[in-house]
Amino acid sequence: MEILKTSKASPREADTMEVMAAIGQAARKAAYALSLASTETKNLAIRKAAAAIRDRAKDILSANACDMAAAKANGAASAFLDRLALDSARVEAMAKGLDAIAALPDPVGRILARFERPNGLLIERVATPLGVIGVIYESRPAVTADADALCLKAGNAAILRAGSESFFSARCIHECLGAGLASAGLPAAAISLVPVKDRAAVGEMLAGLSGNLDVIVPRGGKSLVARVQAEARVPVFAHLEGIVHVFVERSADLKKAEAIVYNAKLRRTGICGAAETLLVDRACAATHLAPLVEMLLDAGCAVRGDAATRAVDARVQPASEVDWATEYLDSIIAVRVVENLDGAIAHIETFGSHHTDCIVTENQAAAERFLKEVDSAIVIHNASTQFADGGEFGFGAEIGIATGRMHARGPVGSEQLTSFKYRVRGNGQLRP
């Protein structure tokens, strides 16, 4: 290959470049085949993959045990280990997610708009696959199944680069997906898992694999997402951070607020929908602040608060400006008393990441204003922020959550993995 003759890359990097080039070319061919595949064929592949995951559950758990042992030996944090870990319930949830995706309507071929021009031209805007989607992820093995099934449902080929931390888990899950493709007679290159741990593979994907990659989705820590957003030469669906807020407004029901805050923060602390900041309206601070703070502290959650919050419990640590803009992904929360709804919205706009934000209130007008004015991908009234998930939205799963404003925003499911084209039908019309 000419690139090997002219590149200054090391032999190992050159080998990786050659491997990635071949994967990109094969994926492009597979994407064309997938774009023509019937709904029944795609659904069969996904259902057979789900069956294979169930059949090979023990193998998947064994592979995951190897990944977990290595991560623990390397001193991985508890939140990281939670994202990496699989058990029987999570493997079954993975399979159920695939079944749910198979049961969804086919997003390809949807008529998005239809209209007739005065000259008689009939114009349709119809959903089409994006093409080849690259997914770069770190510690979540389930991304392997979710991303592949969603891409397949939308007629896209997928190229996955799993992190070294989840390498063995991802490989075993990928084998199940390959079995699904084979059962449906679809090309194996429709779902590719990068077979090398070499970090140069990420660079090749960011460069677009010689035009063979159409979109990149990063799933991982801030450093990975920041690198992808800075270096990618193709569009990116991503969120850099999930700085998620819960605002307890003056008319909030205390019991409801306690249940929502507890679930939003502590159900799973290591996911992007976990609450990181609690804002309490000053008008209800006298009745609501202490119970909320004490509940969190008693549950083992560290609280970092402003002066008003520190005054209600000696266990509260002082919060700095950095805390208001920190995604902890751990049993830590920042708590602040704000003057009113205006103050809450201003705080979220200043420190938020446009991911997910919630208001707890019985005042419908306040709720509607919050839902309208907070510019986040997901805004919630009276429910846990941990519903920020494609599966909970009825998408079967998600390939990620996007906080940008172009194309996809919020949970990215199969519908969001489509583009569109215009079909124009005429009867001999000529443009004057």
Protein backbone atom coordinates (compact mmCIF):
# COMPACT_ATOMS: atom_id res chain seq x y z
CA MET A 1 0.00 0.00 0.00
CA GLU A 2 1.25 3.46 -0.86
CA ILE A 3 0.46 4.80 2.60
CA LEU A 4 2.97 2.37 4.06
CA LYS A 5 5.68 3.54 1.70
CA THR A 6 5.29 7.22 2.48
CA SER A 7 4.28 7.12 6.16
CA LYS A 8 6.81 7.71 8.92
CA ALA A 9 4.79 5.48 11.20
CA SER A 10 6.45 2.67 13.12
CA PRO A 11 5.96 -0.88 11.80
CA ARG A 12 3.31 -1.49 14.45
CA GLU A 13 1.45 1.71 13.55
CA ALA A 14 1.73 0.86 9.86
CA ASP A 15 0.15 -2.53 10.53
CA THR A 16 -2.68 -0.84 12.41
CA MET A 17 -3.22 1.62 9.58
CA GLU A 18 -3.48 -1.25 7.12
CA VAL A 19 -5.92 -3.14 9.34
CA MET A 20 -8.10 -0.07 9.81
CA ALA A 21 -8.08 0.76 6.10
CA ALA A 22 -9.31 -2.73 5.30
CA ILE A 23 -12.03 -2.50 7.96
CA GLY A 24 -13.20 0.84 6.55
CA GLN A 25 -13.38 -0.43 2.98
CA ALA A 26 -15.27 -3.57 3.99
CA ALA A 27 -17.68 -1.56 6.13
CA ARG A 28 -18.49 0.76 3.24
CA LYS A 29 -19.42 -2.21 1.05
CA ALA A 30 -21.45 -3.72 3.86
CA ALA A 31 -23.28 -0.43 4.41
CA TYR A 32 -24.59 -0.55 0.85
CA ALA A 33 -25.89 -4.07 1.38
CA LEU A 34 -27.53 -3.05 4.65
CA SER A 35 -29.20 -0.04 3.03
CA LEU A 36 -31.04 -2.49 0.77
CA ALA A 37 -31.81 -5.10 3.45
CA SER A 38 -35.44 -5.71 4.30
CA THR A 39 -36.92 -4.96 7.70
CA GLU A 40 -37.43 -8.68 8.25
CA THR A 41 -33.77 -9.46 7.52
CA LYS A 42 -32.46 -6.80 9.88
CA ASN A 43 -34.84 -7.85 12.64
CA LEU A 44 -33.87 -11.48 12.23
CA ALA A 45 -30.20 -10.63 12.66
CA ILE A 46 -30.92 -8.65 15.82
CA ARG A 47 -33.15 -11.33 17.36
CA LYS A 48 -30.62 -14.06 16.57
CA ALA A 49 -27.91 -11.93 18.20
CA ALA A 50 -30.08 -11.62 21.32
CA ALA A 51 -30.51 -15.40 21.38
CA ALA A 52 -26.76 -15.89 21.02
CA ILE A 53 -26.11 -13.55 23.95
CA ARG A 54 -28.44 -15.62 26.11
CA ASP A 55 -26.86 -18.88 24.93
CA ARG A 56 -23.36 -17.60 25.63
CA ALA A 57 -24.09 -15.75 28.86
CA LYS A 58 -21.52 -17.81 30.80
CA ASP A 59 -18.83 -17.07 28.21
CA ILE A 60 -19.63 -13.36 28.37
CA LEU A 61 -19.44 -13.34 32.16
CA SER A 62 -16.16 -15.24 32.07
CA ALA A 63 -14.68 -12.73 29.63
CA ASN A 64 -15.95 -9.88 31.79
CA ALA A 65 -14.33 -11.45 34.85
CA CYS A 66 -10.98 -11.21 33.06
CA ASP A 67 -11.59 -7.53 32.28
CA MET A 68 -12.69 -6.83 35.84
CA ALA A 69 -9.63 -8.54 37.33
CA ALA A 70 -7.31 -6.48 35.17
CA ALA A 71 -9.16 -3.25 35.99
CA LYS A 72 -8.97 -3.94 39.73
CA ALA A 73 -5.28 -4.75 39.45
CA ASN A 74 -4.78 -1.38 37.77
CA GLY A 75 -6.55 0.43 40.60
CA ALA A 76 -9.70 1.42 38.70
CA ALA A 77 -12.19 3.59 40.61
CA SER A 78 -15.44 2.10 41.91
CA ALA A 79 -17.56 4.07 39.43
CA PHE A 80 -15.43 2.74 36.57
CA LEU A 81 -15.79 -0.81 37.86
CA ASP A 82 -19.57 -0.38 38.07
CA ARG A 83 -19.70 0.63 34.40
CA LEU A 84 -17.47 -2.28 33.41
CA ALA A 85 -19.13 -5.01 35.46
CA LEU A 86 -21.59 -7.50 34.00
CA ASP A 87 -23.76 -9.98 35.86
CA SER A 88 -26.56 -12.28 34.79
CA ALA A 89 -29.15 -9.52 35.09
CA ARG A 90 -27.14 -7.09 32.97
CA VAL A 91 -26.49 -9.71 30.30
CA GLU A 92 -30.21 -10.48 30.17
CA ALA A 93 -30.97 -6.75 30.01
CA MET A 94 -28.59 -6.54 27.04
CA ALA A 95 -30.48 -9.30 25.25
CA LYS A 96 -33.84 -7.73 26.10
CA GLY A 97 -32.59 -4.44 24.69
CA LEU A 98 -31.86 -6.14 21.38
CA ASP A 99 -35.31 -7.75 21.36
CA ALA A 100 -36.83 -4.32 21.98
CA ILE A 101 -34.86 -2.81 19.10
CA ALA A 102 -36.00 -5.59 16.77
CA ALA A 103 -39.62 -4.86 17.74
CA LEU A 104 -39.37 -1.16 16.86
CA PRO A 105 -40.64 0.20 13.54
CA ASP A 106 -37.99 0.36 10.82
CA PRO A 107 -36.68 3.94 10.76
CA VAL A 108 -35.45 3.58 7.17
CA GLY A 109 -37.90 4.55 4.45
CA ARG A 110 -40.12 6.68 6.70
CA ILE A 111 -41.83 9.48 4.80
CA LEU A 112 -40.84 12.56 6.77
CA ALA A 113 -42.66 15.02 4.54
CA ARG A 114 -44.69 14.93 1.32
CA PHE A 115 -45.84 17.89 -0.72
CA GLU A 116 -46.78 18.94 -4.24
CA ARG A 117 -45.44 21.99 -6.04
CA PRO A 118 -47.63 24.24 -8.22
CA ASN A 119 -45.95 22.76 -11.31
CA GLY A 120 -47.12 19.29 -10.37
CA LEU A 121 -43.83 17.92 -9.00
CA LEU A 122 -44.44 15.48 -6.13
CA ILE A 123 -41.67 15.71 -3.50
CA GLU A 124 -41.04 13.37 -0.59
CA ARG A 125 -38.43 13.60 2.14
CA VAL A 126 -37.59 10.02 3.13
CA ALA A 127 -35.34 8.63 5.90
CA THR A 128 -32.14 6.90 4.77
CA PRO A 129 -29.20 5.32 6.63
CA LEU A 130 -26.27 7.50 7.61
CA GLY A 131 -23.76 4.98 6.23
CA VAL A 132 -20.84 3.82 8.38
CA ILE A 133 -20.83 4.75 12.06
CA GLY A 134 -17.76 4.52 14.26
CA VAL A 135 -18.18 4.03 17.99
CA ILE A 136 -15.21 4.56 20.30
CA TYR A 137 -15.89 3.51 23.87
CA GLU A 138 -14.12 2.57 27.06
CA SER A 139 -15.62 0.68 29.96
CA ARG A 140 -19.21 -0.18 29.05
CA PRO A 141 -19.36 -3.65 27.43
CA ALA A 142 -23.09 -3.33 26.74
CA VAL A 143 -22.30 -0.56 24.24
CA THR A 144 -21.08 -3.33 21.93
CA ALA A 145 -24.55 -4.81 21.68
CA ASP A 146 -26.57 -1.59 21.89
CA ALA A 147 -24.57 0.30 19.28
CA ASP A 148 -24.42 -2.56 16.83
CA ALA A 149 -28.13 -3.33 17.03
CA LEU A 150 -29.15 0.30 16.67
CA CYS A 151 -26.84 0.82 13.70
CA LEU A 152 -28.10 -2.36 12.08
CA LYS A 153 -31.75 -1.42 12.63
CA ALA A 154 -31.12 1.88 10.85
CA GLY A 155 -29.30 0.18 7.97
CA ASN A 156 -25.84 1.38 8.96
CA ALA A 157 -22.57 -0.51 9.17
CA ALA A 158 -20.75 -0.13 12.50
CA ILE A 159 -17.07 -0.05 13.38
CA LEU A 160 -16.48 -0.40 17.11
CA ARG A 161 -13.29 0.31 18.96
CA ALA A 162 -13.64 -0.96 22.53
CA GLY A 163 -11.29 0.23 25.22
CA SER A 164 -8.60 -2.11 26.42
CA GLU A 165 -10.46 -2.28 29.74
CA SER A 166 -13.47 -4.02 28.15
CA PHE A 167 -11.62 -5.77 25.35
CA PHE A 168 -12.48 -9.38 26.22
CA SER A 169 -16.11 -8.65 27.11
CA ALA A 170 -16.61 -6.71 23.88
CA ARG A 171 -15.04 -9.44 21.79
CA CYS A 172 -17.33 -12.12 23.20
CA ILE A 173 -20.44 -9.98 22.73
CA HIS A 174 -19.33 -9.11 19.20
CA GLU A 175 -19.13 -12.81 18.36
CA CYS A 176 -22.80 -13.11 19.30
CA LEU A 177 -23.68 -10.24 17.00
CA GLY A 178 -21.69 -11.84 14.21
CA ALA A 179 -23.75 -15.00 14.69
CA GLY A 180 -26.87 -12.93 14.20
CA LEU A 181 -25.57 -11.47 10.96
CA ALA A 182 -24.66 -14.91 9.64
CA SER A 183 -28.12 -16.27 10.49
CA ALA A 184 -29.72 -13.48 8.45
CA GLY A 185 -27.30 -13.76 5.53
CA LEU A 186 -25.85 -10.29 6.08
CA PRO A 187 -22.14 -9.48 5.57
CA ALA A 188 -19.89 -9.94 8.58
CA ALA A 189 -18.33 -6.51 7.92
CA ALA A 190 -21.68 -4.91 8.80
CA ILE A 191 -20.50 -5.05 12.42
CA SER A 192 -16.75 -4.76 12.88
CA LEU A 193 -14.84 -4.76 16.15
CA VAL A 194 -11.35 -3.31 15.89
CA PRO A 195 -9.14 -6.32 16.69
CA VAL A 196 -6.14 -4.42 18.06
CA LYS A 197 -5.59 -2.43 21.26
CA ASP A 198 -3.17 -0.05 19.56
CA ARG A 199 -4.27 3.55 20.25
CA ALA A 200 -3.31 4.41 16.68
CA ALA A 201 -6.58 2.77 15.65
CA VAL A 202 -8.45 5.63 17.31
CA GLY A 203 -6.45 8.15 15.30
CA GLU A 204 -7.33 6.37 12.08
CA MET A 205 -11.01 6.48 12.94
CA LEU A 206 -10.83 10.17 13.82
CA ALA A 207 -9.29 10.79 10.42
CA GLY A 208 -12.30 9.16 8.79
CA LEU A 209 -10.75 5.98 7.38
CA SER A 210 -10.15 7.56 3.97
CA GLY A 211 -13.71 8.79 3.68
CA ASN A 212 -15.28 5.48 4.71
CA LEU A 213 -16.54 6.69 8.10
CA ASP A 214 -19.56 9.02 8.20
CA VAL A 215 -20.16 9.64 11.92
CA ILE A 216 -18.28 9.01 15.18
CA VAL A 217 -19.88 8.42 18.56
CA PRO A 218 -17.53 8.48 21.59
CA ARG A 219 -18.67 6.78 24.80
CA GLY A 220 -16.28 7.29 27.66
CA GLY A 221 -14.57 9.75 29.95
CA LYS A 222 -14.05 13.45 29.43
CA SER A 223 -10.55 13.06 27.98
CA LEU A 224 -11.73 10.62 25.30
CA VAL A 225 -14.72 12.73 24.29
CA ALA A 226 -12.65 15.92 24.26
CA ARG A 227 -10.07 14.31 22.01
CA VAL A 228 -12.72 13.03 19.61
CA GLN A 229 -14.46 16.39 19.43
CA ALA A 230 -11.14 18.19 18.87
CA GLU A 231 -9.59 15.86 16.31
CA ALA A 232 -12.41 14.18 14.41
CA ARG A 233 -12.70 15.02 10.72
CA VAL A 234 -16.22 13.62 10.54
CA PRO A 235 -19.38 14.64 12.45
CA VAL A 236 -19.56 13.62 16.11
CA PHE A 237 -22.57 12.71 18.26
CA ALA A 238 -21.47 13.17 21.86
CA HIS A 239 -21.69 14.91 25.18
CA LEU A 240 -18.54 16.06 26.94
CA GLU A 241 -19.95 15.92 30.48
CA GLY A 242 -23.17 15.16 32.27
CA ILE A 243 -23.40 17.94 34.85
CA VAL A 244 -26.97 17.14 35.82
CA HIS A 245 -29.09 19.30 38.12
CA VAL A 246 -32.16 18.73 40.25
CA PHE A 247 -33.94 21.94 41.30
CA VAL A 248 -36.34 21.67 44.23
CA GLU A 249 -38.73 24.59 43.72
CA ARG A 250 -40.65 26.27 46.56
CA SER A 251 -43.88 24.36 45.92
CA ALA A 252 -42.20 20.93 45.76
CA ASP A 253 -43.70 18.08 47.75
CA LEU A 254 -40.97 17.11 50.22
CA LYS A 255 -41.52 13.34 50.10
CA LYS A 256 -41.54 13.39 46.32
CA ALA A 257 -38.41 15.55 46.29
CA GLU A 258 -36.61 13.17 48.66
CA ALA A 259 -37.43 10.14 46.52
CA ILE A 260 -36.44 11.86 43.26
CA VAL A 261 -33.18 13.29 44.60
CA TYR A 262 -32.16 9.98 46.16
CA ASN A 263 -32.81 8.04 42.95
CA ALA A 264 -31.31 10.70 40.69
CA LYS A 265 -28.06 10.72 42.67
CA LEU A 266 -27.62 7.28 44.18
CA ARG A 267 -29.39 4.66 42.04
CA ARG A 268 -26.22 4.45 39.94
CA THR A 269 -23.65 7.15 40.52
CA GLY A 270 -21.45 6.33 37.54
CA ILE A 271 -23.88 7.00 34.69
CA CYS A 272 -24.21 10.26 32.79
CA GLY A 273 -27.79 10.82 33.99
CA ALA A 274 -26.80 10.82 37.67
CA ALA A 275 -27.48 14.12 39.43
CA GLU A 276 -24.35 16.07 40.33
CA THR A 277 -25.86 19.29 41.73
CA LEU A 278 -28.91 19.87 43.92
CA LEU A 279 -30.43 23.34 43.88
CA VAL A 280 -32.96 24.31 46.55
CA ASP A 281 -35.28 27.32 46.36
CA ARG A 282 -34.61 29.68 49.26
CA ALA A 283 -38.37 29.97 49.84
CA CYS A 284 -38.55 26.30 50.90
CA ALA A 285 -35.03 25.89 52.29
CA ALA A 286 -36.27 26.07 55.88
CA THR A 287 -38.42 22.97 55.41
CA HIS A 288 -36.73 21.07 52.58
CA LEU A 289 -32.98 21.65 52.72
CA ALA A 290 -32.09 19.85 55.94
CA PRO A 291 -34.11 16.68 55.20
CA LEU A 292 -32.65 16.40 51.72
CA VAL A 293 -29.08 16.95 52.88
CA GLU A 294 -29.40 14.59 55.84
CA MET A 295 -30.93 11.89 53.63
CA LEU A 296 -27.95 12.07 51.24
CA LEU A 297 -25.37 12.12 54.02
CA ASP A 298 -26.99 9.23 55.88
CA ALA A 299 -26.92 7.22 52.64
CA GLY A 300 -23.15 7.65 52.40
CA CYS A 301 -23.15 10.47 49.85
CA ALA A 302 -20.64 13.26 50.46
CA VAL A 303 -22.21 16.72 50.27
CA ARG A 304 -20.33 19.84 49.26
CA GLY A 305 -22.41 22.92 49.91
CA ASP A 306 -22.64 26.67 50.09
CA ALA A 307 -22.91 28.53 53.40
CA ALA A 308 -26.66 27.92 53.75
CA THR A 309 -26.20 24.20 53.17
CA ARG A 310 -23.28 23.91 55.58
CA ALA A 311 -25.41 25.57 58.25
CA VAL A 312 -27.90 22.66 58.32
CA ASP A 313 -25.40 19.84 58.93
CA ALA A 314 -21.82 19.90 60.19
CA ARG A 315 -20.94 16.99 57.90
CA VAL A 316 -21.31 19.16 54.79
CA GLN A 317 -17.99 20.15 53.24
CA PRO A 318 -17.45 23.59 51.69
CA ALA A 319 -18.15 23.81 47.98
CA SER A 320 -15.85 25.71 45.65
CA GLU A 321 -16.66 27.17 42.23
CA VAL A 322 -15.13 24.05 40.71
CA ASP A 323 -17.76 21.88 42.37
CA TRP A 324 -20.61 23.56 40.49
CA ALA A 325 -19.04 22.44 37.21
CA THR A 326 -17.88 18.96 38.22
CA GLU A 327 -19.21 15.63 37.00
CA TYR A 328 -18.37 13.42 39.98
CA LEU A 329 -19.72 10.07 38.75
CA ASP A 330 -19.43 9.07 42.39
CA SER A 331 -21.28 9.37 45.70
CA ILE A 332 -20.65 13.12 45.88
CA ILE A 333 -23.10 15.95 45.25
CA ALA A 334 -22.88 19.73 45.29
CA VAL A 335 -25.78 21.56 46.98
CA ARG A 336 -26.69 25.22 46.68
CA VAL A 337 -29.57 27.42 47.78
CA VAL A 338 -30.79 29.71 44.98
CA GLU A 339 -33.11 32.68 45.30
CA ASN A 340 -35.88 31.43 43.03
CA LEU A 341 -36.63 29.86 39.66
CA ASP A 342 -34.67 32.60 37.91
CA GLY A 343 -31.65 31.79 40.06
CA ALA A 344 -31.90 28.09 39.29
CA ILE A 345 -32.12 28.66 35.54
CA ALA A 346 -29.19 31.10 35.69
CA HIS A 347 -27.07 28.60 37.65
CA ILE A 348 -27.82 25.80 35.18
CA GLU A 349 -27.02 28.03 32.22
CA THR A 350 -23.72 29.07 33.84
CA PHE A 351 -22.48 25.69 35.06
CA GLY A 352 -24.50 23.06 33.21
CA SER A 353 -23.50 20.90 30.28
CA HIS A 354 -26.85 20.86 28.43
CA HIS A 355 -27.33 17.19 29.22
CA THR A 356 -30.24 16.59 31.64
CA ASP A 357 -31.87 18.86 34.21
CA CYS A 358 -34.92 18.40 36.44
CA ILE A 359 -37.38 20.54 38.39
CA VAL A 360 -39.36 19.17 41.33
CA THR A 361 -42.47 21.28 41.79
CA GLU A 362 -46.24 21.15 42.15
CA ASN A 363 -46.51 24.53 40.40
CA GLN A 364 -47.38 23.77 36.79
CA ALA A 365 -46.49 27.26 35.58
CA ALA A 366 -43.02 27.00 37.14
CA ALA A 367 -42.56 23.55 35.59
CA GLU A 368 -43.55 24.74 32.13
CA ARG A 369 -41.21 27.71 32.34
CA PHE A 370 -38.32 25.47 33.42
CA LEU A 371 -39.03 23.01 30.58
CA LYS A 372 -39.11 25.88 28.09
CA GLU A 373 -36.16 27.95 29.25
CA VAL A 374 -33.55 25.38 30.31
CA ASP A 375 -31.55 24.64 27.16
CA SER A 376 -30.64 21.02 27.79
CA ALA A 377 -31.08 17.95 25.63
CA ILE A 378 -33.41 16.48 28.27
CA VAL A 379 -35.50 18.51 30.72
CA ILE A 380 -37.61 16.70 33.31
CA HIS A 381 -40.48 17.59 35.64
CA ASN A 382 -41.03 15.53 38.79
CA ALA A 383 -39.05 12.43 37.81
CA SER A 384 -35.54 11.10 38.31
CA THR A 385 -32.80 12.29 35.98
CA GLN A 386 -31.75 8.66 35.62
CA PHE A 387 -34.54 8.30 33.06
CA ALA A 388 -32.08 10.00 30.66
CA ASP A 389 -31.61 6.77 28.77
CA GLY A 390 -32.62 5.51 25.34
CA GLY A 391 -34.12 2.33 26.74
CA GLU A 392 -36.32 4.32 29.10
CA PHE A 393 -37.39 6.52 26.18
CA GLY A 394 -38.63 3.45 24.34
CA PHE A 395 -35.72 3.34 21.88
CA GLY A 396 -34.69 -0.15 22.97
CA ALA A 397 -31.24 1.21 23.77
CA GLU A 398 -29.08 4.17 22.87
CA ILE A 399 -25.79 4.62 21.11
CA GLY A 400 -25.12 7.63 23.32
CA ILE A 401 -26.61 10.94 24.41
CA ALA A 402 -25.87 13.96 22.25
CA THR A 403 -25.89 17.50 23.67
CA GLY A 404 -25.13 19.32 20.44
CA ARG A 405 -27.77 21.11 18.43
CA MET A 406 -27.19 19.58 15.00
CA HIS A 407 -29.08 16.52 13.76
CA ALA A 408 -29.43 14.36 16.88
CA ARG A 409 -29.97 15.58 20.43
CA GLY A 410 -30.67 13.59 23.58
CA PRO A 411 -30.67 9.78 23.50
CA VAL A 412 -29.49 8.63 20.08
CA GLY A 413 -31.61 5.67 19.00
CA SER A 414 -32.21 4.09 15.62
CA GLU A 415 -34.31 7.00 14.29
CA GLN A 416 -31.51 9.44 15.08
CA LEU A 417 -29.07 7.24 13.11
CA THR A 418 -30.75 8.15 9.85
CA SER A 419 -30.40 10.99 7.41
CA PHE A 420 -32.80 11.69 4.54
CA LYS A 421 -33.03 12.27 0.84
CA TYR A 422 -35.63 13.85 -1.42
CA ARG A 423 -37.57 11.81 -3.94
CA VAL A 424 -39.04 13.93 -6.70
CA ARG A 425 -41.64 12.54 -9.13
CA GLY A 426 -42.55 14.43 -12.26
CA ASN A 427 -44.35 14.06 -15.55
CA GLY A 428 -42.08 15.84 -17.98
CA GLN A 429 -41.79 19.18 -16.13
CA LEU A 430 -39.03 21.49 -17.35
CA ARG A 431 -37.65 24.46 -15.46
CA PRO A 432 -38.25 27.72 -17.35
